[in-house]
Each structure stands twice: as C-alpha cells, then as structure tokens.
Full PDB file with SEQRES, HELIX, SHEET, SSBOND, CRYST1, ORIGX, SCALE, CONECT and MASTER records, all heavy atoms in Angstrom:
SEQRES   1 A   35  GLY PHE LEU HIS GLY PHE LEU ALA LEU THR ASP GLU VAL          
SEQRES   2 A   35  VAL PHE CYS TYR LYS GLN SER ALA GLU TYR ALA PRO GLU          
SEQRES   3 A   35  ARG GLU ILE GLY VAL ARG TRP ASP ASP                          
HELIX    1 AA1 PRO A   25  ARG A   27  5                                   3    
CRYST1    1.000    1.000    1.000  90.00  90.00  90.00 P 1           1          
ORIGX1      1.000000  0.000000  0.000000        0.00000                         
ORIGX2      0.000000  1.000000  0.000000        0.00000                         
ORIGX3      0.000000  0.000000  1.000000        0.00000                         
SCALE1      1.000000  0.000000  0.000000        0.00000                         
SCALE2      0.000000  1.000000  0.000000        0.00000                         
SCALE3      0.000000  0.000000  1.000000        0.00000                         
ATOM      1  N   GLY A   1      -8.814   8.413   0.850  1.00  0.00           N  
ATOM      2  CA  GLY A   1      -9.984   7.763   0.284  1.00  0.00           C  
ATOM      3  C   GLY A   1      -9.691   6.845  -0.886  1.00  0.00           C  
ATOM      4  O   GLY A   1     -10.607   6.312  -1.499  1.00  0.00           O  
ATOM      5  N   PHE A   2      -8.428   6.649  -1.191  1.00  0.00           N  
ATOM      6  CA  PHE A   2      -8.039   5.766  -2.289  1.00  0.00           C  
ATOM      7  C   PHE A   2      -7.406   4.498  -1.740  1.00  0.00           C  
ATOM      8  O   PHE A   2      -6.697   4.525  -0.738  1.00  0.00           O  
ATOM      9  CB  PHE A   2      -7.005   6.449  -3.198  1.00  0.00           C  
ATOM     10  CG  PHE A   2      -7.582   7.354  -4.236  1.00  0.00           C  
ATOM     11  CD1 PHE A   2      -8.184   8.547  -3.876  1.00  0.00           C  
ATOM     12  CD2 PHE A   2      -7.510   7.026  -5.575  1.00  0.00           C  
ATOM     13  CE1 PHE A   2      -8.702   9.401  -4.832  1.00  0.00           C  
ATOM     14  CE2 PHE A   2      -8.027   7.882  -6.545  1.00  0.00           C  
ATOM     15  CZ  PHE A   2      -8.630   9.071  -6.174  1.00  0.00           C  
ATOM     16  N   LEU A   3      -7.626   3.392  -2.430  1.00  0.00           N  
ATOM     17  CA  LEU A   3      -6.864   2.173  -2.205  1.00  0.00           C  
ATOM     18  C   LEU A   3      -5.557   2.288  -2.972  1.00  0.00           C  
ATOM     19  O   LEU A   3      -5.485   2.974  -4.002  1.00  0.00           O  
ATOM     20  CB  LEU A   3      -7.632   0.956  -2.736  1.00  0.00           C  
ATOM     21  CG  LEU A   3      -8.861   0.541  -1.954  1.00  0.00           C  
ATOM     22  CD1 LEU A   3      -9.808  -0.255  -2.838  1.00  0.00           C  
ATOM     23  CD2 LEU A   3      -8.441  -0.272  -0.744  1.00  0.00           C  
ATOM     24  N   HIS A   4      -4.543   1.586  -2.475  1.00  0.00           N  
ATOM     25  CA  HIS A   4      -3.231   1.648  -3.114  1.00  0.00           C  
ATOM     26  C   HIS A   4      -2.549   0.294  -3.033  1.00  0.00           C  
ATOM     27  O   HIS A   4      -2.687  -0.425  -2.049  1.00  0.00           O  
ATOM     28  CB  HIS A   4      -2.367   2.706  -2.404  1.00  0.00           C  
ATOM     29  CG  HIS A   4      -0.964   2.721  -2.880  1.00  0.00           C  
ATOM     30  ND1 HIS A   4       0.087   2.255  -2.109  1.00  0.00           N  
ATOM     31  CD2 HIS A   4      -0.431   3.108  -4.058  1.00  0.00           C  
ATOM     32  CE1 HIS A   4       1.205   2.383  -2.800  1.00  0.00           C  
ATOM     33  NE2 HIS A   4       0.926   2.891  -3.979  1.00  0.00           N  
ATOM     34  N   GLY A   5      -1.813  -0.047  -4.075  1.00  0.00           N  
ATOM     35  CA  GLY A   5      -0.995  -1.252  -4.088  1.00  0.00           C  
ATOM     36  C   GLY A   5       0.020  -1.169  -5.205  1.00  0.00           C  
ATOM     37  O   GLY A   5      -0.070  -0.302  -6.075  1.00  0.00           O  
ATOM     38  N   PHE A   6       1.000  -2.068  -5.167  1.00  0.00           N  
ATOM     39  CA  PHE A   6       1.980  -2.080  -6.253  1.00  0.00           C  
ATOM     40  C   PHE A   6       2.531  -3.482  -6.455  1.00  0.00           C  
ATOM     41  O   PHE A   6       2.530  -4.318  -5.561  1.00  0.00           O  
ATOM     42  CB  PHE A   6       3.107  -1.066  -6.020  1.00  0.00           C  
ATOM     43  CG  PHE A   6       4.044  -1.390  -4.890  1.00  0.00           C  
ATOM     44  CD1 PHE A   6       5.171  -2.178  -5.094  1.00  0.00           C  
ATOM     45  CD2 PHE A   6       3.811  -0.890  -3.626  1.00  0.00           C  
ATOM     46  CE1 PHE A   6       6.046  -2.467  -4.055  1.00  0.00           C  
ATOM     47  CE2 PHE A   6       4.679  -1.168  -2.573  1.00  0.00           C  
ATOM     48  CZ  PHE A   6       5.799  -1.956  -2.790  1.00  0.00           C  
ATOM     49  N   LEU A   7       3.026  -3.700  -7.683  1.00  0.00           N  
ATOM     50  CA  LEU A   7       3.679  -4.936  -8.094  1.00  0.00           C  
ATOM     51  C   LEU A   7       5.126  -4.610  -8.414  1.00  0.00           C  
ATOM     52  O   LEU A   7       5.404  -3.721  -9.236  1.00  0.00           O  
ATOM     53  CB  LEU A   7       2.987  -5.512  -9.332  1.00  0.00           C  
ATOM     54  CG  LEU A   7       3.665  -6.707 -10.005  1.00  0.00           C  
ATOM     55  CD1 LEU A   7       3.647  -7.931  -9.086  1.00  0.00           C  
ATOM     56  CD2 LEU A   7       2.986  -7.009 -11.333  1.00  0.00           C  
ATOM     57  N   ALA A   8       6.075  -5.309  -7.771  1.00  0.00           N  
ATOM     58  CA  ALA A   8       7.498  -5.117  -8.044  1.00  0.00           C  
ATOM     59  C   ALA A   8       7.851  -5.781  -9.377  1.00  0.00           C  
ATOM     60  O   ALA A   8       7.588  -6.968  -9.579  1.00  0.00           O  
ATOM     61  CB  ALA A   8       8.340  -5.705  -6.916  1.00  0.00           C  
ATOM     62  N   LEU A   9       8.460  -5.012 -10.266  1.00  0.00           N  
ATOM     63  CA  LEU A   9       8.763  -5.493 -11.611  1.00  0.00           C  
ATOM     64  C   LEU A   9      10.244  -5.792 -11.832  1.00  0.00           C  
ATOM     65  O   LEU A   9      10.612  -6.297 -12.892  1.00  0.00           O  
ATOM     66  CB  LEU A   9       8.297  -4.462 -12.649  1.00  0.00           C  
ATOM     67  CG  LEU A   9       6.794  -4.178 -12.654  1.00  0.00           C  
ATOM     68  CD1 LEU A   9       6.478  -3.059 -13.641  1.00  0.00           C  
ATOM     69  CD2 LEU A   9       6.005  -5.433 -12.973  1.00  0.00           C  
ATOM     70  N   THR A  10      11.089  -5.456 -10.866  1.00  0.00           N  
ATOM     71  CA  THR A  10      12.521  -5.696 -10.994  1.00  0.00           C  
ATOM     72  C   THR A  10      13.004  -6.530  -9.811  1.00  0.00           C  
ATOM     73  O   THR A  10      12.304  -6.678  -8.804  1.00  0.00           O  
ATOM     74  CB  THR A  10      13.296  -4.362 -11.066  1.00  0.00           C  
ATOM     75  OG1 THR A  10      12.913  -3.545  -9.957  1.00  0.00           O  
ATOM     76  CG2 THR A  10      13.025  -3.626 -12.363  1.00  0.00           C  
ATOM     77  N   ASP A  11      14.212  -7.064  -9.952  1.00  0.00           N  
ATOM     78  CA  ASP A  11      14.744  -7.948  -8.911  1.00  0.00           C  
ATOM     79  C   ASP A  11      14.844  -7.272  -7.557  1.00  0.00           C  
ATOM     80  O   ASP A  11      14.663  -7.921  -6.533  1.00  0.00           O  
ATOM     81  CB  ASP A  11      16.116  -8.491  -9.326  1.00  0.00           C  
ATOM     82  CG  ASP A  11      16.005  -9.461 -10.494  1.00  0.00           C  
ATOM     83  OD1 ASP A  11      14.908 -10.006 -10.728  1.00  0.00           O  
ATOM     84  OD2 ASP A  11      17.019  -9.668 -11.175  1.00  0.00           O  
ATOM     85  N   GLU A  12      15.136  -5.986  -7.533  1.00  0.00           N  
ATOM     86  CA  GLU A  12      15.208  -5.223  -6.288  1.00  0.00           C  
ATOM     87  C   GLU A  12      14.375  -3.965  -6.425  1.00  0.00           C  
ATOM     88  O   GLU A  12      14.561  -3.190  -7.369  1.00  0.00           O  
ATOM     89  CB  GLU A  12      16.647  -4.807  -5.975  1.00  0.00           C  
ATOM     90  CG  GLU A  12      17.567  -5.949  -5.628  1.00  0.00           C  
ATOM     91  CD  GLU A  12      18.963  -5.440  -5.281  1.00  0.00           C  
ATOM     92  OE1 GLU A  12      19.324  -4.301  -5.648  1.00  0.00           O  
ATOM     93  OE2 GLU A  12      19.698  -6.204  -4.642  1.00  0.00           O  
ATOM     94  N   VAL A  13      13.481  -3.760  -5.476  1.00  0.00           N  
ATOM     95  CA  VAL A  13      12.678  -2.542  -5.434  1.00  0.00           C  
ATOM     96  C   VAL A  13      12.804  -1.940  -4.045  1.00  0.00           C  
ATOM     97  O   VAL A  13      12.613  -2.630  -3.041  1.00  0.00           O  
ATOM     98  CB  VAL A  13      11.192  -2.814  -5.758  1.00  0.00           C  
ATOM     99  CG1 VAL A  13      10.330  -1.594  -5.469  1.00  0.00           C  
ATOM    100  CG2 VAL A  13      11.029  -3.248  -7.211  1.00  0.00           C  
ATOM    101  N   VAL A  14      13.131  -0.644  -4.020  1.00  0.00           N  
ATOM    102  CA  VAL A  14      13.085   0.140  -2.786  1.00  0.00           C  
ATOM    103  C   VAL A  14      11.995   1.168  -3.015  1.00  0.00           C  
ATOM    104  O   VAL A  14      12.124   2.051  -3.871  1.00  0.00           O  
ATOM    105  CB  VAL A  14      14.436   0.809  -2.468  1.00  0.00           C  
ATOM    106  CG1 VAL A  14      14.325   1.636  -1.188  1.00  0.00           C  
ATOM    107  CG2 VAL A  14      15.537  -0.235  -2.337  1.00  0.00           C  
ATOM    108  N   PHE A  15      10.920   1.028  -2.248  1.00  0.00           N  
ATOM    109  CA  PHE A  15       9.708   1.822  -2.425  1.00  0.00           C  
ATOM    110  C   PHE A  15       9.524   2.702  -1.195  1.00  0.00           C  
ATOM    111  O   PHE A  15       9.575   2.215  -0.063  1.00  0.00           O  
ATOM    112  CB  PHE A  15       8.517   0.862  -2.581  1.00  0.00           C  
ATOM    113  CG  PHE A  15       7.234   1.521  -2.965  1.00  0.00           C  
ATOM    114  CD1 PHE A  15       6.934   1.763  -4.297  1.00  0.00           C  
ATOM    115  CD2 PHE A  15       6.301   1.888  -2.009  1.00  0.00           C  
ATOM    116  CE1 PHE A  15       5.742   2.353  -4.665  1.00  0.00           C  
ATOM    117  CE2 PHE A  15       5.100   2.473  -2.369  1.00  0.00           C  
ATOM    118  CZ  PHE A  15       4.828   2.710  -3.698  1.00  0.00           C  
ATOM    119  N   CYS A  16       9.331   3.988  -1.421  1.00  0.00           N  
ATOM    120  CA  CYS A  16       9.196   4.949  -0.320  1.00  0.00           C  
ATOM    121  C   CYS A  16       7.831   5.617  -0.382  1.00  0.00           C  
ATOM    122  O   CYS A  16       7.310   5.876  -1.464  1.00  0.00           O  
ATOM    123  CB  CYS A  16      10.257   6.040  -0.442  1.00  0.00           C  
ATOM    124  SG  CYS A  16      11.928   5.404  -0.406  1.00  0.00           S  
ATOM    125  N   TYR A  17       7.291   5.900   0.807  1.00  0.00           N  
ATOM    126  CA  TYR A  17       6.060   6.661   0.826  1.00  0.00           C  
ATOM    127  C   TYR A  17       5.907   7.461   2.099  1.00  0.00           C  
ATOM    128  O   TYR A  17       6.304   7.061   3.161  1.00  0.00           O  
ATOM    129  CB  TYR A  17       4.833   5.803   0.549  1.00  0.00           C  
ATOM    130  CG  TYR A  17       4.683   4.523   1.320  1.00  0.00           C  
ATOM    131  CD1 TYR A  17       3.723   4.407   2.318  1.00  0.00           C  
ATOM    132  CD2 TYR A  17       5.459   3.415   1.018  1.00  0.00           C  
ATOM    133  CE1 TYR A  17       3.548   3.215   2.998  1.00  0.00           C  
ATOM    134  CE2 TYR A  17       5.296   2.223   1.700  1.00  0.00           C  
ATOM    135  CZ  TYR A  17       4.332   2.135   2.686  1.00  0.00           C  
ATOM    136  OH  TYR A  17       4.167   0.951   3.361  1.00  0.00           O  
ATOM    137  N   LYS A  18       5.343   8.647   1.883  1.00  0.00           N  
ATOM    138  CA  LYS A  18       4.995   9.550   2.967  1.00  0.00           C  
ATOM    139  C   LYS A  18       3.496   9.388   3.200  1.00  0.00           C  
ATOM    140  O   LYS A  18       2.745   9.213   2.243  1.00  0.00           O  
ATOM    141  CB  LYS A  18       5.299  11.004   2.584  1.00  0.00           C  
ATOM    142  CG  LYS A  18       6.749  11.261   2.235  1.00  0.00           C  
ATOM    143  CD  LYS A  18       6.991  12.682   1.829  1.00  0.00           C  
ATOM    144  CE  LYS A  18       7.592  13.530   2.884  1.00  0.00           C  
ATOM    145  NZ  LYS A  18       8.510  12.989   3.825  1.00  0.00           N  
ATOM    146  N   GLN A  19       3.083   9.469   4.457  1.00  0.00           N  
ATOM    147  CA  GLN A  19       1.668   9.325   4.808  1.00  0.00           C  
ATOM    148  C   GLN A  19       1.217  10.542   5.598  1.00  0.00           C  
ATOM    149  O   GLN A  19       1.969  11.078   6.404  1.00  0.00           O  
ATOM    150  CB  GLN A  19       1.461   8.094   5.695  1.00  0.00           C  
ATOM    151  CG  GLN A  19       1.815   6.813   5.045  1.00  0.00           C  
ATOM    152  CD  GLN A  19       1.646   5.616   5.975  1.00  0.00           C  
ATOM    153  OE1 GLN A  19       1.784   4.524   5.514  1.00  0.00           O  
ATOM    154  NE2 GLN A  19       1.370   5.806   7.254  1.00  0.00           N  
ATOM    155  N   SER A  20      -0.047  10.926   5.397  1.00  0.00           N  
ATOM    156  CA  SER A  20      -0.605  12.064   6.120  1.00  0.00           C  
ATOM    157  C   SER A  20      -1.235  11.658   7.451  1.00  0.00           C  
ATOM    158  O   SER A  20      -1.752  12.509   8.162  1.00  0.00           O  
ATOM    159  CB  SER A  20      -1.643  12.791   5.261  1.00  0.00           C  
ATOM    160  OG  SER A  20      -2.757  11.945   5.043  1.00  0.00           O  
ATOM    161  N   ALA A  21      -1.200  10.378   7.766  1.00  0.00           N  
ATOM    162  CA  ALA A  21      -1.694   9.878   9.060  1.00  0.00           C  
ATOM    163  C   ALA A  21      -0.797   8.718   9.471  1.00  0.00           C  
ATOM    164  O   ALA A  21      -0.274   8.003   8.617  1.00  0.00           O  
ATOM    165  CB  ALA A  21      -3.145   9.410   8.961  1.00  0.00           C  
ATOM    166  N   GLU A  22      -0.624   8.557  10.762  1.00  0.00           N  
ATOM    167  CA  GLU A  22       0.153   7.424  11.247  1.00  0.00           C  
ATOM    168  C   GLU A  22      -0.626   6.136  11.003  1.00  0.00           C  
ATOM    169  O   GLU A  22      -1.858   6.120  11.036  1.00  0.00           O  
ATOM    170  CB  GLU A  22       0.452   7.584  12.735  1.00  0.00           C  
ATOM    171  CG  GLU A  22       1.410   8.722  13.004  1.00  0.00           C  
ATOM    172  CD  GLU A  22       1.761   8.873  14.464  1.00  0.00           C  
ATOM    173  OE1 GLU A  22       1.559   7.920  15.254  1.00  0.00           O  
ATOM    174  OE2 GLU A  22       2.238   9.962  14.830  1.00  0.00           O  
ATOM    175  N   TYR A  23       0.117   5.073  10.747  1.00  0.00           N  
ATOM    176  CA  TYR A  23      -0.506   3.779  10.506  1.00  0.00           C  
ATOM    177  C   TYR A  23      -1.323   3.349  11.724  1.00  0.00           C  
ATOM    178  O   TYR A  23      -0.856   3.398  12.855  1.00  0.00           O  
ATOM    179  CB  TYR A  23       0.562   2.730  10.201  1.00  0.00           C  
ATOM    180  CG  TYR A  23      -0.010   1.340  10.055  1.00  0.00           C  
ATOM    181  CD1 TYR A  23      -0.821   1.019   8.972  1.00  0.00           C  
ATOM    182  CD2 TYR A  23       0.231   0.362  11.009  1.00  0.00           C  
ATOM    183  CE1 TYR A  23      -1.354  -0.247   8.836  1.00  0.00           C  
ATOM    184  CE2 TYR A  23      -0.301  -0.915  10.871  1.00  0.00           C  
ATOM    185  CZ  TYR A  23      -1.094  -1.208   9.792  1.00  0.00           C  
ATOM    186  OH  TYR A  23      -1.637  -2.459   9.657  1.00  0.00           O  
ATOM    187  N   ALA A  24      -2.568   2.947  11.470  1.00  0.00           N  
ATOM    188  CA  ALA A  24      -3.469   2.467  12.511  1.00  0.00           C  
ATOM    189  C   ALA A  24      -4.163   1.222  11.961  1.00  0.00           C  
ATOM    190  O   ALA A  24      -5.069   1.338  11.125  1.00  0.00           O  
ATOM    191  CB  ALA A  24      -4.486   3.539  12.883  1.00  0.00           C  
ATOM    192  N   PRO A  25      -3.743   0.029  12.385  1.00  0.00           N  
ATOM    193  CA  PRO A  25      -4.300  -1.193  11.798  1.00  0.00           C  
ATOM    194  C   PRO A  25      -5.819  -1.293  11.912  1.00  0.00           C  
ATOM    195  O   PRO A  25      -6.462  -1.879  11.042  1.00  0.00           O  
ATOM    196  CB  PRO A  25      -3.612  -2.321  12.574  1.00  0.00           C  
ATOM    197  CG  PRO A  25      -2.783  -1.699  13.613  1.00  0.00           C  
ATOM    198  CD  PRO A  25      -2.754  -0.225  13.406  1.00  0.00           C  
ATOM    199  N   GLU A  26      -6.403  -0.696  12.931  1.00  0.00           N  
ATOM    200  CA  GLU A  26      -7.857  -0.776  13.097  1.00  0.00           C  
ATOM    201  C   GLU A  26      -8.612   0.029  12.034  1.00  0.00           C  
ATOM    202  O   GLU A  26      -9.799  -0.176  11.822  1.00  0.00           O  
ATOM    203  CB  GLU A  26      -8.278  -0.330  14.506  1.00  0.00           C  
ATOM    204  CG  GLU A  26      -8.066   1.142  14.810  1.00  0.00           C  
ATOM    205  CD  GLU A  26      -6.657   1.526  15.261  1.00  0.00           C  
ATOM    206  OE1 GLU A  26      -5.733   0.669  15.237  1.00  0.00           O  
ATOM    207  OE2 GLU A  26      -6.482   2.695  15.627  1.00  0.00           O  
ATOM    208  N   ARG A  27      -7.945   0.931  11.343  1.00  0.00           N  
ATOM    209  CA  ARG A  27      -8.590   1.723  10.293  1.00  0.00           C  
ATOM    210  C   ARG A  27      -8.258   1.214   8.890  1.00  0.00           C  
ATOM    211  O   ARG A  27      -8.842   1.659   7.905  1.00  0.00           O  
ATOM    212  CB  ARG A  27      -8.173   3.188  10.403  1.00  0.00           C  
ATOM    213  CG  ARG A  27      -8.914   3.939  11.482  1.00  0.00           C  
ATOM    214  CD  ARG A  27      -8.718   5.434  11.347  1.00  0.00           C  
ATOM    215  NE  ARG A  27      -7.313   5.793  11.392  1.00  0.00           N  
ATOM    216  CZ  ARG A  27      -6.623   6.053  12.503  1.00  0.00           C  
ATOM    217  NH1 ARG A  27      -7.211   5.982  13.664  1.00  0.00           N  
ATOM    218  NH2 ARG A  27      -5.353   6.385  12.428  1.00  0.00           N  
ATOM    219  N   GLU A  28      -7.319   0.310   8.782  1.00  0.00           N  
ATOM    220  CA  GLU A  28      -6.902  -0.170   7.465  1.00  0.00           C  
ATOM    221  C   GLU A  28      -8.003  -1.017   6.825  1.00  0.00           C  
ATOM    222  O   GLU A  28      -8.626  -1.854   7.470  1.00  0.00           O  
ATOM    223  CB  GLU A  28      -5.621  -0.997   7.568  1.00  0.00           C  
ATOM    224  CG  GLU A  28      -5.106  -1.415   6.216  1.00  0.00           C  
ATOM    225  CD  GLU A  28      -3.781  -2.155   6.302  1.00  0.00           C  
ATOM    226  OE1 GLU A  28      -3.630  -3.021   7.185  1.00  0.00           O  
ATOM    227  OE2 GLU A  28      -2.912  -1.862   5.479  1.00  0.00           O  
ATOM    228  N   ILE A  29      -8.208  -0.780   5.538  1.00  0.00           N  
ATOM    229  CA  ILE A  29      -9.163  -1.539   4.740  1.00  0.00           C  
ATOM    230  C   ILE A  29      -8.370  -2.219   3.631  1.00  0.00           C  
ATOM    231  O   ILE A  29      -7.585  -1.563   2.940  1.00  0.00           O  
ATOM    232  CB  ILE A  29     -10.240  -0.621   4.134  1.00  0.00           C  
ATOM    233  CG1 ILE A  29     -11.023   0.089   5.247  1.00  0.00           C  
ATOM    234  CG2 ILE A  29     -11.168  -1.421   3.218  1.00  0.00           C  
ATOM    235  CD1 ILE A  29     -11.898   1.210   4.748  1.00  0.00           C  
ATOM    236  N   GLY A  30      -8.564  -3.505   3.479  1.00  0.00           N  
ATOM    237  CA  GLY A  30      -7.879  -4.247   2.430  1.00  0.00           C  
ATOM    238  C   GLY A  30      -8.871  -4.782   1.416  1.00  0.00           C  
ATOM    239  O   GLY A  30      -9.944  -5.263   1.772  1.00  0.00           O  
ATOM    240  N   VAL A  31      -8.512  -4.677   0.145  1.00  0.00           N  
ATOM    241  CA  VAL A  31      -9.330  -5.194  -0.958  1.00  0.00           C  
ATOM    242  C   VAL A  31      -8.443  -6.102  -1.800  1.00  0.00           C  
ATOM    243  O   VAL A  31      -7.259  -5.830  -2.001  1.00  0.00           O  
ATOM    244  CB  VAL A  31      -9.913  -4.039  -1.804  1.00  0.00           C  
ATOM    245  CG1 VAL A  31     -10.523  -4.556  -3.098  1.00  0.00           C  
ATOM    246  CG2 VAL A  31     -10.948  -3.267  -0.995  1.00  0.00           C  
ATOM    247  N   ARG A  32      -9.024  -7.168  -2.292  1.00  0.00           N  
ATOM    248  CA  ARG A  32      -8.281  -8.148  -3.088  1.00  0.00           C  
ATOM    249  C   ARG A  32      -7.648  -7.497  -4.312  1.00  0.00           C  
ATOM    250  O   ARG A  32      -8.310  -6.767  -5.045  1.00  0.00           O  
ATOM    251  CB  ARG A  32      -9.193  -9.276  -3.537  1.00  0.00           C  
ATOM    252  CG  ARG A  32      -9.726 -10.128  -2.391  1.00  0.00           C  
ATOM    253  CD  ARG A  32     -10.450 -11.351  -2.911  1.00  0.00           C  
ATOM    254  NE  ARG A  32      -9.609 -12.166  -3.764  1.00  0.00           N  
ATOM    255  CZ  ARG A  32      -8.732 -13.085  -3.316  1.00  0.00           C  
ATOM    256  NH1 ARG A  32      -8.599 -13.292  -2.036  1.00  0.00           N  
ATOM    257  NH2 ARG A  32      -8.024 -13.795  -4.180  1.00  0.00           N  
ATOM    258  N   TRP A  33      -6.414  -7.825  -4.542  1.00  0.00           N  
ATOM    259  CA  TRP A  33      -5.686  -7.317  -5.704  1.00  0.00           C  
ATOM    260  C   TRP A  33      -6.291  -7.848  -7.007  1.00  0.00           C  
ATOM    261  O   TRP A  33      -6.216  -7.206  -8.047  1.00  0.00           O  
ATOM    262  CB  TRP A  33      -4.200  -7.693  -5.622  1.00  0.00           C  
ATOM    263  CG  TRP A  33      -3.961  -9.180  -5.718  1.00  0.00           C  
ATOM    264  CD1 TRP A  33      -3.959 -10.073  -4.686  1.00  0.00           C  
ATOM    265  CD2 TRP A  33      -3.735  -9.938  -6.904  1.00  0.00           C  
ATOM    266  NE1 TRP A  33      -3.731 -11.350  -5.152  1.00  0.00           N  
ATOM    267  CE2 TRP A  33      -3.592 -11.290  -6.519  1.00  0.00           C  
ATOM    268  CE3 TRP A  33      -3.636  -9.604  -8.261  1.00  0.00           C  
ATOM    269  CZ2 TRP A  33      -3.362 -12.302  -7.437  1.00  0.00           C  
ATOM    270  CZ3 TRP A  33      -3.407 -10.620  -9.174  1.00  0.00           C  
ATOM    271  CH2 TRP A  33      -3.271 -11.957  -8.756  1.00  0.00           C  
ATOM    272  N   ASP A  34      -6.924  -9.021  -6.926  1.00  0.00           N  
ATOM    273  CA  ASP A  34      -7.483  -9.689  -8.106  1.00  0.00           C  
ATOM    274  C   ASP A  34      -9.011  -9.667  -8.128  1.00  0.00           C  
ATOM    275  O   ASP A  34      -9.635 -10.516  -8.752  1.00  0.00           O  
ATOM    276  CB  ASP A  34      -6.973 -11.121  -8.194  1.00  0.00           C  
ATOM    277  CG  ASP A  34      -7.354 -11.960  -6.965  1.00  0.00           C  
ATOM    278  OD1 ASP A  34      -7.845 -11.395  -5.949  1.00  0.00           O  
ATOM    279  OD2 ASP A  34      -7.154 -13.184  -7.012  1.00  0.00           O  
ATOM    280  N   ASP A  35      -9.613  -8.685  -7.483  1.00  0.00           N  
ATOM    281  CA  ASP A  35     -11.075  -8.572  -7.441  1.00  0.00           C  
ATOM    282  C   ASP A  35     -11.616  -8.475  -8.872  1.00  0.00           C  
ATOM    283  O   ASP A  35     -11.269  -7.551  -9.614  1.00  0.00           O  
ATOM    284  CB  ASP A  35     -11.461  -7.327  -6.638  1.00  0.00           C  
ATOM    285  CG  ASP A  35     -12.956  -7.173  -6.446  1.00  0.00           C  
ATOM    286  OD1 ASP A  35     -13.753  -7.717  -7.244  1.00  0.00           O  
ATOM    287  OD2 ASP A  35     -13.350  -6.501  -5.479  1.00  0.00           O  
TER     288      ASP A  35                                                      
MASTER        0    0    0    1    0    0    0    6  287    1    0    3          
END                                                                             
C-alpha cells in the first residue's frame, strides 16, 4: 500500500529488493516524483 522510489546519490548504485508479490504491470501504479 505504499509508493516507493529512490534517487541514486553516488556514481555507482547497486540496489536490491525483495517483493511479496511477483511483478504485474497491470497492477502497478505510478505517481510523479515531483508531484
């Protein structure tokens, strides 16, 4: 129920995440980062 995003602050970022549901593009909701 949360939106999530991140900004890379260093020249190289390796970002990992575990998800409790498989990615399903039809369920994804996107909100502007600069709303």
